[in-house]
């Protein structure tokens, strides 16, 4: 099983951009030192609490400070960008990183960004996303001339081409035919997961989804894989979770329920955002439950895996048994102001050095028995 980090990232609004950028960079470097396999960074244009507007720019600043960790865009919101720009920038990053890029795509999840780019309508947004990725893949698959006509974009480069000077040629990625593509999902029985499986791409389940939603994603991945005539492969599915590990179960419980703690802030903040967007069903164990009946403590207990290393190992294996055979675990990175930094770094260390070796051994034994 691959181990990764997923960061929206999310920080309290009183913190400065420079401070949080440095903190997020330190976390990535720490993850690389601990042996994490991947780091996924989100994209948001219009939110001071989720302040990374260009994940590739942020990640490029860390290429020379890390040795092995792969970098994933989590995600590039394709409806908000011209596909030719995305194609060129992703290809550049793939070469700069010597093939350490994972290409995460999605329609975007922040309502203010959707308004900013005029893509509030869900059907319109998804249509733009799929046209964009198809256009990008066509650009990467050919040399000029380019004349790719779509409903939303027309990529045309047919006249100003000078082959002997390299003029008019769009760059292709280092990884061929392209970097691994993954799509994110947070809705129950998300069609995004089915689409990803149909296209042979990976899928990523968000960390703020209850268990039944995660399980529904595997069902859709199976559905899409079988429709495409492929055997479902859990290695293509990543699941993000909030994880808090301490020396004892009680210490972990105290940390996760601490009102000044980063996990408490995270779920309190996210619930308020989704409440205003009238999209709270995505976070509720029971979608029919009234919003007034939901507490932050209930959300935490539902969606955070916490305890000692032994307890977290047992919880993760049981969670995977109930939801489906995901091949990638992404630890959701929280804000690390004050005492939270030591707690976050400890959870990362214990997860990488104490929990994952046992999980990998257990899963290896299962495969041999099968």
Protein backbone atom coordinates (compact mmCIF):
# COMPACT_ATOMS: atom_id res chain seq x y z
CA UNK A 1 0.00 0.00 0.00
CA UNK A 2 1.24 3.47 -0.92
CA UNK A 3 1.36 6.14 1.79
CA UNK A 4 0.75 9.76 0.95
CA UNK A 5 -0.26 13.17 2.25
CA UNK A 6 -3.26 15.14 1.05
CA UNK A 7 -3.42 18.86 1.69
CA UNK A 8 -6.18 21.22 0.60
CA UNK A 9 -4.36 22.80 2.49
CA UNK A 10 -6.49 24.47 5.18
CA UNK A 11 -5.33 27.13 7.64
CA UNK A 12 -7.11 29.62 9.96
CA UNK A 13 -7.68 32.98 8.24
CA UNK A 14 -5.57 34.95 10.72
CA UNK A 15 -2.35 33.26 9.58
CA UNK A 16 -0.13 34.88 6.94
CA UNK A 17 0.41 33.28 3.55
CA UNK A 18 4.18 33.22 3.95
CA UNK A 19 3.91 31.45 7.30
CA UNK A 20 1.57 28.75 6.05
CA UNK A 21 3.50 28.23 2.81
CA UNK A 22 6.65 27.59 4.87
CA UNK A 23 4.77 25.25 7.17
CA UNK A 24 3.30 23.27 4.29
CA UNK A 25 6.74 23.05 2.67
CA UNK A 26 8.29 21.78 5.91
CA UNK A 27 5.59 19.09 6.08
CA UNK A 28 6.37 17.87 2.56
CA UNK A 29 10.09 17.70 3.32
CA UNK A 30 9.34 15.81 6.55
CA UNK A 31 7.11 13.38 4.63
CA UNK A 32 9.90 12.71 2.15
CA UNK A 33 12.36 12.06 4.98
CA UNK A 34 9.92 9.63 6.62
CA UNK A 35 9.48 7.63 3.42
CA UNK A 36 6.04 8.81 2.33
CA UNK A 37 5.42 7.86 -1.29
CA UNK A 38 3.24 10.77 -2.42
CA UNK A 39 2.12 14.30 -1.59
CA UNK A 40 -1.06 15.77 -3.10
CA UNK A 41 -1.68 19.52 -2.99
CA UNK A 42 -4.98 21.23 -3.78
CA UNK A 43 -5.77 24.33 -5.84
CA UNK A 44 -7.97 27.24 -4.74
CA UNK A 45 -8.00 30.74 -6.18
CA UNK A 46 -10.39 32.67 -3.95
CA UNK A 47 -10.00 31.54 -0.34
CA UNK A 48 -7.47 32.82 2.19
CA UNK A 49 -7.93 29.71 4.36
CA UNK A 50 -7.05 27.46 1.40
CA UNK A 51 -4.28 29.63 -0.01
CA UNK A 52 -2.42 27.63 -2.69
CA UNK A 53 -3.56 28.91 -6.07
CA UNK A 54 -0.98 26.93 -8.07
CA UNK A 55 -0.08 23.51 -6.69
CA UNK A 56 2.58 22.95 -9.34
CA UNK A 57 4.29 26.25 -8.52
CA UNK A 58 4.33 25.31 -4.84
CA UNK A 59 5.55 21.78 -5.52
CA UNK A 60 8.22 22.92 -7.96
CA UNK A 61 9.80 24.91 -5.13
CA UNK A 62 10.31 21.61 -3.28
CA UNK A 63 11.79 19.45 -6.01
CA UNK A 64 15.40 20.07 -4.98
CA UNK A 65 14.59 19.74 -1.27
CA UNK A 66 13.09 16.26 -1.61
CA UNK A 67 14.53 13.01 -2.93
CA UNK A 68 11.87 10.45 -3.71
CA UNK A 69 8.34 11.59 -2.91
CA UNK A 70 6.02 11.96 -5.89
CA UNK A 71 3.96 15.12 -6.31
CA UNK A 72 0.26 15.05 -7.14
CA UNK A 73 -2.03 17.88 -8.13
CA UNK A 74 -4.99 17.42 -5.85
CA UNK A 75 -6.53 18.70 -8.06
CA UNK A 76 -6.20 21.02 -11.01
CA UNK A 77 -9.74 22.32 -11.51
CA UNK A 78 -9.83 21.91 -15.27
CA UNK A 79 -13.00 23.96 -15.95
CA UNK A 80 -11.14 27.04 -14.71
CA UNK A 81 -8.16 26.83 -17.09
CA UNK A 82 -7.45 26.86 -20.79
CA UNK A 83 -6.43 23.29 -21.65
CA UNK A 84 -3.40 24.38 -23.69
CA UNK A 85 -1.99 26.14 -20.61
CA UNK A 86 -2.54 23.07 -18.44
CA UNK A 87 -1.00 20.79 -21.07
CA UNK A 88 2.14 22.93 -21.31
CA UNK A 89 2.59 23.44 -17.55
CA UNK A 90 2.00 19.79 -16.63
CA UNK A 91 4.50 18.67 -19.28
CA UNK A 92 7.05 21.16 -17.94
CA UNK A 93 6.61 20.00 -14.34
CA UNK A 94 6.91 16.36 -15.38
CA UNK A 95 10.32 17.09 -16.90
CA UNK A 96 11.45 19.30 -14.00
CA UNK A 97 10.51 16.55 -11.54
CA UNK A 98 12.07 13.78 -13.66
CA UNK A 99 8.75 12.00 -13.78
CA UNK A 100 7.66 12.46 -10.18
CA UNK A 101 4.29 13.94 -11.18
CA UNK A 102 0.84 12.49 -10.56
CA UNK A 103 -1.84 14.38 -12.50
CA UNK A 104 -4.95 14.84 -10.37
CA UNK A 105 -7.91 16.45 -12.10
CA UNK A 106 -11.41 17.46 -11.07
CA UNK A 107 -14.21 19.97 -11.59
CA UNK A 108 -13.26 21.94 -8.46
CA UNK A 109 -15.02 22.01 -5.11
CA UNK A 110 -14.91 25.62 -3.91
CA UNK A 111 -18.08 27.59 -4.67
CA UNK A 112 -16.29 30.95 -4.74
CA UNK A 113 -13.90 29.63 -7.41
CA UNK A 114 -16.88 28.34 -9.39
CA UNK A 115 -18.48 31.77 -9.30
CA UNK A 116 -15.18 33.44 -10.16
CA UNK A 117 -14.82 31.39 -13.33
CA UNK A 118 -18.53 31.24 -14.19
CA UNK A 119 -18.94 27.49 -13.72
CA UNK A 120 -21.49 27.25 -10.91
CA UNK A 121 -23.74 24.93 -12.92
CA UNK A 122 -22.65 21.37 -12.18
CA UNK A 123 -23.47 19.85 -15.57
CA UNK A 124 -21.71 22.69 -17.38
CA UNK A 125 -18.69 22.38 -15.09
CA UNK A 126 -18.34 18.63 -15.64
CA UNK A 127 -18.76 19.05 -19.39
CA UNK A 128 -15.89 21.56 -19.46
CA UNK A 129 -13.73 19.28 -17.34
CA UNK A 130 -14.10 16.28 -19.65
CA UNK A 131 -13.57 18.37 -22.79
CA UNK A 132 -10.47 19.86 -21.20
CA UNK A 133 -8.80 16.55 -20.35
CA UNK A 134 -9.64 15.14 -23.79
CA UNK A 135 -8.09 18.22 -25.39
CA UNK A 136 -4.98 17.94 -23.21
CA UNK A 137 -4.51 14.29 -24.14
CA UNK A 138 -4.88 15.13 -27.84
CA UNK A 139 -2.25 17.88 -27.55
CA UNK A 140 0.17 15.43 -25.94
CA UNK A 141 -0.48 12.73 -28.52
CA UNK A 142 0.55 14.67 -31.63
CA UNK A 143 2.84 17.19 -33.24
CA UNK A 144 1.59 20.31 -35.00
CA UNK A 145 -0.50 21.38 -36.69
CA UNK A 146 -3.10 21.46 -33.91
CA UNK A 147 -6.75 22.02 -34.73
CA UNK A 148 -8.78 20.62 -31.85
CA UNK A 149 -12.32 21.94 -31.95
CA UNK A 150 -14.52 21.62 -28.88
CA UNK A 151 -17.66 23.18 -27.52
CA UNK A 152 -15.78 25.29 -24.97
CA UNK A 153 -12.28 25.68 -26.43
CA UNK A 154 -10.75 25.67 -29.88
CA UNK A 155 -7.04 24.87 -29.79
CA UNK A 156 -5.67 26.02 -33.13
CA UNK A 157 -2.04 26.31 -34.13
CA UNK A 158 -1.75 25.70 -37.85
CA UNK A 159 0.02 28.68 -39.42
CA UNK A 160 2.90 29.79 -37.23
CA UNK A 161 4.94 26.59 -37.32
CA UNK A 162 8.68 26.45 -38.05
CA UNK A 163 9.80 22.82 -37.56
CA UNK A 164 13.55 23.45 -37.87
CA UNK A 165 13.34 26.05 -35.08
CA UNK A 166 10.89 24.12 -32.88
CA UNK A 167 8.31 26.89 -33.20
CA UNK A 168 4.69 25.83 -32.89
CA UNK A 169 5.39 22.58 -30.98
CA UNK A 170 3.58 21.92 -27.69
CA UNK A 171 5.72 20.10 -25.10
CA UNK A 172 4.97 16.48 -24.27
CA UNK A 173 5.37 15.04 -20.76
CA UNK A 174 8.37 12.95 -19.77
CA UNK A 175 6.12 10.07 -18.69
CA UNK A 176 4.59 8.45 -21.73
CA UNK A 177 1.93 8.53 -22.91
CA UNK A 178 1.25 10.88 -19.98
CA UNK A 179 1.59 11.12 -16.18
CA UNK A 180 -0.82 8.89 -14.20
CA UNK A 181 -4.23 10.57 -14.09
CA UNK A 182 -6.58 10.48 -11.10
CA UNK A 183 -9.98 12.03 -10.40
CA UNK A 184 -11.31 13.03 -6.99
CA UNK A 185 -14.69 12.18 -5.51
CA UNK A 186 -16.66 13.16 -2.43
CA UNK A 187 -20.32 12.54 -3.28
CA UNK A 188 -22.03 9.22 -2.46
CA UNK A 189 -21.91 6.85 -5.46
CA UNK A 190 -19.94 9.45 -7.39
CA UNK A 191 -20.06 9.14 -11.17
CA UNK A 192 -16.57 10.66 -11.22
CA UNK A 193 -15.23 7.39 -9.85
CA UNK A 194 -17.03 5.40 -12.54
CA UNK A 195 -15.71 7.75 -15.21
CA UNK A 196 -12.15 7.39 -13.90
CA UNK A 197 -12.41 3.61 -13.96
CA UNK A 198 -13.92 3.61 -17.45
CA UNK A 199 -11.00 5.68 -18.71
CA UNK A 200 -8.36 3.60 -16.94
CA UNK A 201 -7.49 6.39 -14.50
CA UNK A 202 -7.14 6.36 -10.74
CA UNK A 203 -9.69 7.61 -8.23
CA UNK A 204 -9.25 9.46 -4.92
CA UNK A 205 -11.88 9.57 -2.16
CA UNK A 206 -11.95 12.71 -0.02
CA UNK A 207 -11.14 12.58 3.70
CA UNK A 208 -14.34 14.36 4.76
CA UNK A 209 -16.60 11.53 3.58
CA UNK A 210 -18.27 9.08 5.99
CA UNK A 211 -17.49 5.41 5.66
CA UNK A 212 -20.56 4.51 3.62
CA UNK A 213 -19.55 7.10 0.99
CA UNK A 214 -16.06 5.60 0.73
CA UNK A 215 -17.58 2.14 0.28
CA UNK A 216 -19.88 3.50 -2.44
CA UNK A 217 -16.84 4.77 -4.35
CA UNK A 218 -15.38 1.28 -4.59
CA UNK A 219 -18.72 0.02 -5.92
CA UNK A 220 -18.62 2.68 -8.64
CA UNK A 221 -14.97 1.88 -9.42
CA UNK A 222 -15.90 -1.77 -9.87
CA UNK A 223 -18.84 -0.77 -12.05
CA UNK A 224 -16.69 1.40 -14.31
CA UNK A 225 -13.87 -1.14 -14.55
CA UNK A 226 -16.20 -3.97 -15.49
CA UNK A 227 -17.98 -1.81 -18.04
CA UNK A 228 -14.59 -1.19 -19.66
CA UNK A 229 -13.77 -4.91 -19.62
CA UNK A 230 -11.07 -4.56 -16.96
CA UNK A 231 -10.62 -6.28 -13.63
CA UNK A 232 -11.04 -3.70 -10.80
CA UNK A 233 -7.64 -2.87 -9.35
CA UNK A 234 -7.56 -1.42 -5.84
CA UNK A 235 -4.05 -0.15 -6.51
CA UNK A 236 -5.69 2.55 -8.64
CA UNK A 237 -7.82 3.80 -5.73
CA UNK A 238 -6.61 6.16 -3.00
CA UNK A 239 -8.53 7.03 0.14
CA UNK A 240 -7.78 10.10 2.26
CA UNK A 241 -8.40 10.06 6.02
CA UNK A 242 -7.72 12.33 8.97
CA UNK A 243 -5.36 10.39 11.22
CA UNK A 244 -4.25 11.23 14.76
CA UNK A 245 -1.75 8.93 16.46
CA UNK A 246 -0.37 9.38 19.98
CA UNK A 247 1.27 7.30 22.68
CA UNK A 248 -2.09 6.07 23.99
CA UNK A 249 -5.72 5.94 22.89
CA UNK A 250 -6.71 8.47 25.54
CA UNK A 251 -4.02 10.94 24.50
CA UNK A 252 -5.13 10.66 20.87
CA UNK A 253 -8.78 11.19 21.89
CA UNK A 254 -7.82 14.27 23.91
CA UNK A 255 -5.97 15.71 20.93
CA UNK A 256 -8.63 15.04 18.35
CA UNK A 257 -11.41 16.51 20.50
CA UNK A 258 -9.34 19.51 21.62
CA UNK A 259 -11.29 22.60 20.54
CA UNK A 260 -7.97 24.34 19.88
CA UNK A 261 -6.73 21.38 17.88
CA UNK A 262 -6.31 21.37 14.12
CA UNK A 263 -8.72 18.51 13.48
CA UNK A 264 -11.48 20.19 15.47
CA UNK A 265 -10.93 23.42 13.55
CA UNK A 266 -10.93 21.52 10.26
CA UNK A 267 -14.28 19.83 10.71
CA UNK A 268 -15.91 22.88 12.28
CA UNK A 269 -14.76 25.02 9.35
CA UNK A 270 -15.68 22.52 6.66
CA UNK A 271 -19.14 21.91 8.11
CA UNK A 272 -19.84 25.64 8.06
CA UNK A 273 -18.66 25.93 4.45
CA UNK A 274 -20.79 23.00 3.28
CA UNK A 275 -23.75 24.21 5.31
CA UNK A 276 -23.70 27.52 3.47
CA UNK A 277 -23.39 25.66 0.18
CA UNK A 278 -26.35 23.43 1.13
CA UNK A 279 -24.16 20.37 0.60
CA UNK A 280 -23.88 18.89 4.09
CA UNK A 281 -25.16 15.47 3.00
CA UNK A 282 -21.65 14.62 1.86
CA UNK A 283 -20.40 14.66 5.49
CA UNK A 284 -23.30 13.01 7.33
CA UNK A 285 -23.41 9.34 8.31
CA UNK A 286 -27.16 9.61 7.79
CA UNK A 287 -27.92 11.96 4.86
CA UNK A 288 -31.49 12.33 6.13
CA UNK A 289 -30.42 13.62 9.54
CA UNK A 290 -31.14 17.30 10.14
CA UNK A 291 -28.18 19.64 10.08
CA UNK A 292 -29.12 20.90 13.55
CA UNK A 293 -28.59 17.42 14.98
CA UNK A 294 -24.98 17.20 13.78
CA UNK A 295 -22.10 18.19 16.06
CA UNK A 296 -18.43 18.67 15.32
CA UNK A 297 -17.66 15.87 17.77
CA UNK A 298 -19.88 13.50 15.78
CA UNK A 299 -18.16 14.44 12.55
CA UNK A 300 -14.75 13.84 14.10
CA UNK A 301 -15.74 10.48 15.56
CA UNK A 302 -17.15 9.46 12.18
CA UNK A 303 -14.29 10.53 9.94
CA UNK A 304 -11.05 10.63 11.98
CA UNK A 305 -9.03 7.50 12.65
CA UNK A 306 -7.31 8.05 15.98
CA UNK A 307 -5.59 6.16 18.78
CA UNK A 308 -2.26 4.57 19.59
CA UNK A 309 -0.23 3.07 16.75
CA UNK A 310 -1.66 -0.36 17.53
CA UNK A 311 -5.23 0.93 17.62
CA UNK A 312 -4.86 2.93 14.40
CA UNK A 313 -3.38 -0.10 12.64
CA UNK A 314 -6.37 -2.20 13.66
CA UNK A 315 -8.83 0.55 12.71
CA UNK A 316 -7.29 1.06 9.27
CA UNK A 317 -7.28 -2.64 8.43
CA UNK A 318 -10.89 -2.98 9.56
CA UNK A 319 -11.88 0.17 7.65
CA UNK A 320 -10.30 -1.20 4.46
CA UNK A 321 -12.06 -4.53 4.97
CA UNK A 322 -15.42 -2.75 5.19
CA UNK A 323 -14.97 -0.21 2.40
CA UNK A 324 -12.86 -1.88 -0.27
CA UNK A 325 -9.25 -2.74 -1.20
CA UNK A 326 -7.78 0.74 -1.62
CA UNK A 327 -4.11 0.67 -2.54
CA UNK A 328 -3.22 4.17 -1.39
CA UNK A 329 -3.76 5.78 2.00
CA UNK A 330 -3.52 9.57 2.08
CA UNK A 331 -3.16 11.23 5.47
CA UNK A 332 -5.00 14.55 5.43
CA UNK A 333 -2.61 17.29 6.55
CA UNK A 334 -3.96 19.76 9.11
CA UNK A 335 -2.89 23.19 10.25
CA UNK A 336 0.20 23.06 12.44
CA UNK A 337 0.13 26.31 14.39
CA UNK A 338 1.39 26.15 17.97
CA UNK A 339 1.14 22.78 19.70
CA UNK A 340 -0.49 21.29 16.61
CA UNK A 341 2.83 21.10 14.78
CA UNK A 342 4.32 18.65 17.25
CA UNK A 343 1.12 16.59 17.16
CA UNK A 344 0.96 16.54 13.37
CA UNK A 345 4.62 15.61 12.98
CA UNK A 346 4.24 12.83 15.57
CA UNK A 347 1.21 11.39 13.75
CA UNK A 348 3.15 11.40 10.49
CA UNK A 349 6.16 9.72 12.09
CA UNK A 350 4.13 7.03 13.85
CA UNK A 351 2.04 6.39 10.73
CA UNK A 352 5.11 5.94 8.51
CA UNK A 353 7.34 4.01 10.90
CA UNK A 354 4.96 2.09 13.20
CA UNK A 355 1.61 1.67 11.46
CA UNK A 356 2.37 1.22 7.76
CA UNK A 357 4.98 -1.55 8.13
CA UNK A 358 2.44 -3.66 10.03
CA UNK A 359 -0.33 -2.91 7.53
CA UNK A 360 1.88 -3.78 4.59
CA UNK A 361 2.93 -7.00 6.25
CA UNK A 362 -0.70 -7.93 6.94
CA UNK A 363 -1.78 -7.16 3.37
CA UNK A 364 1.19 -9.09 2.01
CA UNK A 365 0.19 -12.12 4.07
CA UNK A 366 -3.37 -11.83 2.73
CA UNK A 367 -2.14 -11.83 -0.88
CA UNK A 368 0.03 -14.90 -0.28
CA UNK A 369 -2.87 -16.74 1.32
CA UNK A 370 -5.12 -15.84 -1.62
